[in-house]
Amino acid sequence: MPKIKTHRGAAKRFKLTGTGKIMRVKAYKSHILTKKNSKRKRSLGKETEVSSADYPRIRRQLGI
């Protein structure tokens, strides 16, 4: 079996923590920010853990 290549787009979007969690950046923080309140914009700036349903697919793309 050949080695699995890393999906470069996924590698730029997700990062692995020391404990093995996969982290992602939240969406909706790039434009049309005037109608969003400060609390919401602050929350969107933080990273969050990937959904458990997406784990297998993302792990395969990252070659983990």
N, C-alpha and C. Protein backbone atom coordinates (compact mmCIF):
# COMPACT_ATOMS: atom_id res chain seq x y z
N MET A 1 0.85 -1.20 0.00
CA MET A 1 0.00 0.00 0.00
C MET A 1 0.88 1.25 0.00
N PRO A 2 0.59 2.21 -0.88
CA PRO A 2 1.34 3.46 -0.85
C PRO A 2 0.90 4.33 0.34
N LYS A 3 1.76 5.27 0.67
CA LYS A 3 1.40 6.20 1.76
C LYS A 3 0.23 7.07 1.32
N ILE A 4 -0.59 7.48 2.28
CA ILE A 4 -1.71 8.38 2.01
C ILE A 4 -1.16 9.81 1.97
N LYS A 5 -1.47 10.54 0.92
CA LYS A 5 -1.04 11.93 0.84
C LYS A 5 -1.95 12.80 1.70
N THR A 6 -1.35 13.81 2.33
CA THR A 6 -2.11 14.77 3.13
C THR A 6 -2.89 15.68 2.19
N HIS A 7 -4.15 15.92 2.50
CA HIS A 7 -4.96 16.88 1.74
C HIS A 7 -4.51 18.26 2.19
N ARG A 8 -3.84 19.00 1.29
CA ARG A 8 -3.20 20.26 1.69
C ARG A 8 -4.20 21.32 2.13
N GLY A 9 -5.40 21.32 1.53
CA GLY A 9 -6.43 22.27 1.94
C GLY A 9 -6.87 22.02 3.37
N ALA A 10 -7.02 20.73 3.73
CA ALA A 10 -7.42 20.36 5.09
C ALA A 10 -6.31 20.68 6.08
N ALA A 11 -5.06 20.47 5.67
CA ALA A 11 -3.92 20.72 6.55
C ALA A 11 -3.85 22.18 6.96
N LYS A 12 -4.29 23.08 6.08
CA LYS A 12 -4.27 24.51 6.39
C LYS A 12 -5.43 24.92 7.28
N ARG A 13 -6.50 24.15 7.30
CA ARG A 13 -7.71 24.53 8.03
C ARG A 13 -7.83 23.91 9.42
N PHE A 14 -7.17 22.78 9.63
CA PHE A 14 -7.29 22.06 10.90
C PHE A 14 -5.93 21.90 11.54
N LYS A 15 -5.92 21.88 12.89
CA LYS A 15 -4.66 21.57 13.56
C LYS A 15 -4.92 20.61 14.72
N LEU A 16 -3.92 19.82 15.00
CA LEU A 16 -4.02 18.77 16.00
C LEU A 16 -3.45 19.29 17.32
N THR A 17 -4.15 19.05 18.42
CA THR A 17 -3.65 19.44 19.75
C THR A 17 -2.76 18.32 20.29
N GLY A 18 -2.12 18.59 21.39
CA GLY A 18 -1.26 17.59 22.01
C GLY A 18 -2.02 16.37 22.50
N THR A 19 -3.31 16.58 22.86
CA THR A 19 -4.11 15.47 23.36
C THR A 19 -4.80 14.70 22.24
N GLY A 20 -4.63 15.17 20.98
CA GLY A 20 -5.20 14.44 19.85
C GLY A 20 -6.51 14.98 19.32
N LYS A 21 -6.99 16.11 19.89
CA LYS A 21 -8.21 16.71 19.37
C LYS A 21 -7.89 17.44 18.07
N ILE A 22 -8.88 17.56 17.20
CA ILE A 22 -8.71 18.33 15.97
C ILE A 22 -9.47 19.64 16.14
N MET A 23 -8.76 20.76 15.98
CA MET A 23 -9.35 22.07 16.17
C MET A 23 -9.59 22.74 14.82
N ARG A 24 -10.62 23.59 14.78
CA ARG A 24 -10.94 24.33 13.56
C ARG A 24 -11.30 25.77 13.91
N VAL A 25 -11.25 26.65 12.90
CA VAL A 25 -11.64 28.05 13.08
C VAL A 25 -13.11 28.17 12.71
N LYS A 26 -13.85 29.00 13.44
CA LYS A 26 -15.27 29.19 13.15
C LYS A 26 -15.47 30.03 11.90
N ALA A 27 -16.61 29.84 11.25
CA ALA A 27 -16.94 30.59 10.04
C ALA A 27 -17.66 31.89 10.40
N TYR A 28 -17.96 32.69 9.40
CA TYR A 28 -18.76 33.93 9.51
C TYR A 28 -18.04 35.07 10.23
N LYS A 29 -16.71 35.14 10.13
CA LYS A 29 -15.96 36.22 10.78
C LYS A 29 -15.23 37.08 9.76
N SER A 30 -15.51 36.90 8.46
CA SER A 30 -14.71 37.60 7.46
C SER A 30 -15.31 38.91 6.97
N HIS A 31 -16.61 39.01 6.81
CA HIS A 31 -17.21 40.26 6.33
C HIS A 31 -18.64 40.37 6.82
N ILE A 32 -19.28 41.49 6.52
CA ILE A 32 -20.62 41.84 7.03
C ILE A 32 -20.62 41.76 8.57
N LEU A 33 -19.66 42.48 9.17
CA LEU A 33 -19.50 42.41 10.62
C LEU A 33 -20.27 43.49 11.36
N THR A 34 -20.81 44.48 10.62
CA THR A 34 -21.48 45.60 11.30
C THR A 34 -22.77 45.17 11.98
N LYS A 35 -23.46 44.20 11.41
CA LYS A 35 -24.73 43.76 12.01
C LYS A 35 -24.56 42.72 13.10
N LYS A 36 -23.34 42.21 13.27
CA LYS A 36 -23.08 41.21 14.31
C LYS A 36 -22.62 41.94 15.57
N ASN A 37 -23.14 41.54 16.72
CA ASN A 37 -22.75 42.22 17.95
C ASN A 37 -21.37 41.77 18.42
N SER A 38 -20.78 42.55 19.32
CA SER A 38 -19.40 42.33 19.76
C SER A 38 -19.21 40.96 20.39
N LYS A 39 -20.19 40.53 21.19
CA LYS A 39 -20.10 39.23 21.85
C LYS A 39 -20.00 38.11 20.83
N ARG A 40 -20.82 38.20 19.78
CA ARG A 40 -20.83 37.18 18.73
C ARG A 40 -19.50 37.18 17.97
N LYS A 41 -18.98 38.36 17.66
CA LYS A 41 -17.71 38.46 16.93
C LYS A 41 -16.55 37.91 17.76
N ARG A 42 -16.57 38.17 19.07
CA ARG A 42 -15.53 37.62 19.96
C ARG A 42 -15.59 36.11 19.97
N SER A 43 -16.80 35.58 20.04
CA SER A 43 -16.99 34.12 20.07
C SER A 43 -16.52 33.48 18.77
N LEU A 44 -16.76 34.15 17.65
CA LEU A 44 -16.35 33.62 16.35
C LEU A 44 -14.84 33.63 16.17
N GLY A 45 -14.14 34.43 16.96
CA GLY A 45 -12.69 34.51 16.86
C GLY A 45 -11.98 33.33 17.49
N LYS A 46 -12.68 32.60 18.34
CA LYS A 46 -12.05 31.48 19.06
C LYS A 46 -12.09 30.20 18.22
N GLU A 47 -11.14 29.32 18.50
CA GLU A 47 -11.15 28.01 17.85
C GLU A 47 -12.09 27.09 18.59
N THR A 48 -12.56 26.05 17.88
CA THR A 48 -13.45 25.09 18.50
C THR A 48 -13.07 23.69 18.01
N GLU A 49 -13.52 22.70 18.75
CA GLU A 49 -13.21 21.31 18.40
C GLU A 49 -14.11 20.85 17.25
N VAL A 50 -13.57 19.99 16.40
CA VAL A 50 -14.32 19.45 15.27
C VAL A 50 -15.40 18.51 15.79
N SER A 51 -16.54 18.48 15.11
CA SER A 51 -17.65 17.60 15.48
C SER A 51 -17.22 16.14 15.40
N SER A 52 -17.75 15.31 16.28
CA SER A 52 -17.38 13.89 16.31
C SER A 52 -17.78 13.18 15.02
N ALA A 53 -18.83 13.66 14.35
CA ALA A 53 -19.27 13.06 13.09
C ALA A 53 -18.25 13.28 11.98
N ASP A 54 -17.48 14.38 12.06
CA ASP A 54 -16.51 14.72 11.02
C ASP A 54 -15.12 14.14 11.28
N TYR A 55 -14.88 13.63 12.48
CA TYR A 55 -13.55 13.15 12.84
C TYR A 55 -12.96 12.14 11.86
N PRO A 56 -13.68 11.06 11.51
CA PRO A 56 -13.06 10.05 10.64
C PRO A 56 -12.61 10.61 9.30
N ARG A 57 -13.44 11.47 8.71
CA ARG A 57 -13.14 12.03 7.39
C ARG A 57 -11.92 12.96 7.47
N ILE A 58 -11.87 13.79 8.50
CA ILE A 58 -10.78 14.75 8.63
C ILE A 58 -9.47 14.03 8.97
N ARG A 59 -9.55 13.01 9.81
CA ARG A 59 -8.35 12.22 10.14
C ARG A 59 -7.76 11.58 8.89
N ARG A 60 -8.62 11.09 8.01
CA ARG A 60 -8.15 10.48 6.76
C ARG A 60 -7.49 11.54 5.86
N GLN A 61 -8.07 12.72 5.80
CA GLN A 61 -7.51 13.79 4.97
C GLN A 61 -6.17 14.27 5.50
N LEU A 62 -6.02 14.28 6.83
CA LEU A 62 -4.76 14.73 7.43
C LEU A 62 -3.71 13.63 7.46
N GLY A 63 -4.10 12.42 7.13
CA GLY A 63 -3.17 11.31 7.10
C GLY A 63 -2.76 10.84 8.49
N ILE A 64 -3.66 10.99 9.45
CA ILE A 64 -3.38 10.57 10.84
C ILE A 64 -3.73 9.10 11.00
